[in-house]
């Protein structure tokens, strides 16, 4: 079964593979309702919001982080960067990404879950891989891109809902 149609995604993935784009550039290309599972400083959340926000105000970004300081920082960033309508499209949760089912409504039409674990994710990478490995094959396409000759490069993991 082919991947869902995301305009320009094929070219962007090839650009990443050949070192012309960063991993976060790829994650920032996909719209609809999305989850920033590790929102950290909030810059990925803002980029994802730009993908889902339009005049309908139907898009939504669920931003999660276990660190309270991270949520305080992203709240300030959102306050400085967004208008009131845009701010309503971002839902912040002070929880671990492993508990995202407690934050995101079951009936939400999630198109992308982004985990930006930084360059050295450690044990978190294993948790995300385990989570993705348990998703239903009929409903999800899950992959990770690992650069063998760039051991410190980010490892993007893509979870596409069919």
Protein backbone atom coordinates (compact mmCIF):
# COMPACT_ATOMS: atom_id res chain seq x y z
CA UNK A 1 0.00 0.00 0.00
CA UNK A 2 1.45 3.41 -0.91
CA UNK A 3 2.23 6.04 1.68
CA UNK A 4 -0.43 8.70 2.25
CA UNK A 5 -0.08 11.62 -0.13
CA UNK A 6 2.06 14.32 1.43
CA UNK A 7 2.99 16.92 -1.14
CA UNK A 8 6.75 17.02 -1.64
CA UNK A 9 7.52 14.37 0.98
CA UNK A 10 9.26 11.99 -1.43
CA UNK A 11 11.68 14.70 -2.56
CA UNK A 12 12.23 15.83 1.02
CA UNK A 13 13.06 12.31 2.20
CA UNK A 14 15.58 11.93 -0.60
CA UNK A 15 17.06 15.31 0.31
CA UNK A 16 17.49 14.08 3.88
CA UNK A 17 19.10 10.85 2.74
CA UNK A 18 21.61 12.81 0.68
CA UNK A 19 22.38 15.34 3.40
CA UNK A 20 20.51 18.31 1.94
CA UNK A 21 17.77 18.50 4.60
CA UNK A 22 17.68 18.00 8.37
CA UNK A 23 15.47 15.44 10.08
CA UNK A 24 13.31 18.17 11.58
CA UNK A 25 12.77 19.67 8.10
CA UNK A 26 10.99 16.44 7.14
CA UNK A 27 8.82 16.38 10.26
CA UNK A 28 7.82 19.99 9.62
CA UNK A 29 6.32 19.14 6.21
CA UNK A 30 3.34 17.08 7.35
CA UNK A 31 0.05 18.68 8.35
CA UNK A 32 -3.32 17.93 10.01
CA UNK A 33 -3.64 17.01 13.68
CA UNK A 34 -0.15 16.26 14.95
CA UNK A 35 1.64 15.39 18.17
CA UNK A 36 4.95 16.87 19.24
CA UNK A 37 5.72 14.12 21.72
CA UNK A 38 8.86 15.83 23.08
CA UNK A 39 8.19 19.54 22.64
CA UNK A 40 11.33 20.75 24.43
CA UNK A 41 12.03 24.35 23.41
CA UNK A 42 8.88 24.57 21.26
CA UNK A 43 10.41 25.36 17.88
CA UNK A 44 9.18 22.08 16.36
CA UNK A 45 5.75 22.75 17.86
CA UNK A 46 5.62 26.16 16.14
CA UNK A 47 6.70 24.66 12.82
CA UNK A 48 4.07 21.94 13.14
CA UNK A 49 1.43 24.55 13.97
CA UNK A 50 2.21 26.34 10.72
CA UNK A 51 1.32 23.12 8.93
CA UNK A 52 -2.04 22.55 10.57
CA UNK A 53 -3.31 26.10 11.00
CA UNK A 54 -5.56 27.56 8.37
CA UNK A 55 -8.71 29.66 8.26
CA UNK A 56 -10.84 26.69 9.36
CA UNK A 57 -8.98 26.44 12.70
CA UNK A 58 -9.56 22.67 12.64
CA UNK A 59 -5.91 21.65 12.97
CA UNK A 60 -4.30 20.95 16.31
CA UNK A 61 -0.87 20.34 17.78
CA UNK A 62 -0.65 18.30 20.96
CA UNK A 63 2.66 19.21 22.61
CA UNK A 64 3.97 16.98 25.39
CA UNK A 65 6.98 17.18 27.64
CA UNK A 66 7.77 15.61 30.97
CA UNK A 67 9.82 18.65 32.04
CA UNK A 68 7.80 21.49 33.58
CA UNK A 69 10.54 23.98 32.62
CA UNK A 70 10.12 23.01 28.96
CA UNK A 71 6.39 23.74 29.11
CA UNK A 72 7.03 27.07 30.83
CA UNK A 73 9.46 27.99 28.03
CA UNK A 74 7.12 26.92 25.24
CA UNK A 75 4.22 28.81 26.85
CA UNK A 76 6.31 31.97 26.74
CA UNK A 77 7.34 31.29 23.14
CA UNK A 78 3.70 30.75 22.11
CA UNK A 79 2.64 33.92 23.92
CA UNK A 80 5.28 35.93 22.03
CA UNK A 81 4.79 34.27 18.64
CA UNK A 82 1.11 33.56 18.12
CA UNK A 83 -2.19 35.36 17.90
CA UNK A 84 -5.07 34.18 20.13
CA UNK A 85 -6.64 32.00 17.39
CA UNK A 86 -3.35 30.22 16.75
CA UNK A 87 -2.71 29.69 20.47
CA UNK A 88 -5.99 27.80 20.74
CA UNK A 89 -4.64 25.22 18.26
CA UNK A 90 -1.82 24.16 20.60
CA UNK A 91 -2.59 21.92 23.56
CA UNK A 92 0.23 21.61 26.12
CA UNK A 93 0.60 18.62 28.44
CA UNK A 94 3.12 18.09 31.21
CA UNK A 95 3.40 14.32 30.72
CA UNK A 96 5.83 11.79 29.30
CA UNK A 97 5.35 10.84 25.66
CA UNK A 98 4.76 7.28 26.80
CA UNK A 99 1.44 8.51 28.24
CA UNK A 100 0.25 10.41 25.14
CA UNK A 101 -2.96 8.37 25.02
CA UNK A 102 -3.96 10.28 28.18
CA UNK A 103 -3.64 13.63 26.38
CA UNK A 104 -4.86 13.02 22.85
CA UNK A 105 -8.54 12.17 22.36
CA UNK A 106 -9.11 8.67 20.99
CA UNK A 107 -11.17 10.03 18.10
CA UNK A 108 -8.47 12.52 17.02
CA UNK A 109 -7.36 12.05 13.43
CA UNK A 110 -3.61 12.09 14.12
CA UNK A 111 -1.46 12.27 11.00
CA UNK A 112 2.00 12.60 12.54
CA UNK A 113 3.73 11.92 15.83
CA UNK A 114 7.12 13.62 16.07
CA UNK A 115 9.75 12.62 18.61
CA UNK A 116 12.70 15.01 18.57
CA UNK A 117 14.98 13.32 21.07
CA UNK A 118 18.05 15.29 20.12
CA UNK A 119 21.27 13.83 18.81
CA UNK A 120 21.89 11.39 21.65
CA UNK A 121 18.50 10.01 22.68
CA UNK A 122 19.80 7.10 24.82
CA UNK A 123 17.09 4.91 26.34
CA UNK A 124 14.27 7.12 24.95
CA UNK A 125 15.00 5.80 21.44
CA UNK A 126 14.36 2.26 22.61
CA UNK A 127 11.01 3.27 24.14
CA UNK A 128 9.87 4.97 20.93
CA UNK A 129 10.99 1.99 18.83
CA UNK A 130 9.09 -0.38 21.11
CA UNK A 131 5.98 1.83 20.95
CA UNK A 132 6.11 2.05 17.15
CA UNK A 133 6.71 -1.69 16.86
CA UNK A 134 3.44 -2.39 18.66
CA UNK A 135 1.28 -0.24 16.37
CA UNK A 136 -1.19 -2.06 14.13
CA UNK A 137 0.33 -2.79 10.70
CA UNK A 138 -3.03 -2.28 9.01
CA UNK A 139 -3.31 1.27 10.36
CA UNK A 140 0.28 2.53 10.64
CA UNK A 141 3.47 2.72 8.60
CA UNK A 142 6.45 3.12 10.94
CA UNK A 143 10.06 3.62 9.91
CA UNK A 144 13.30 5.10 11.18
CA UNK A 145 16.21 6.52 9.24
CA UNK A 146 19.64 5.92 10.69
CA UNK A 147 22.78 7.23 9.05
CA UNK A 148 25.42 4.54 9.57
CA UNK A 149 28.36 6.79 8.74
CA UNK A 150 27.03 9.67 10.88
CA UNK A 151 26.59 8.07 14.31
CA UNK A 152 25.74 11.36 16.06
CA UNK A 153 23.12 12.45 13.51
CA UNK A 154 19.49 12.59 14.66
CA UNK A 155 17.45 9.45 14.00
CA UNK A 156 14.08 10.49 12.60
CA UNK A 157 11.27 8.04 13.30
CA UNK A 158 8.14 8.46 11.22
CA UNK A 159 4.76 7.10 12.29
CA UNK A 160 2.28 7.54 9.44
CA UNK A 161 -1.37 6.77 9.98
CA UNK A 162 -2.90 5.19 6.88
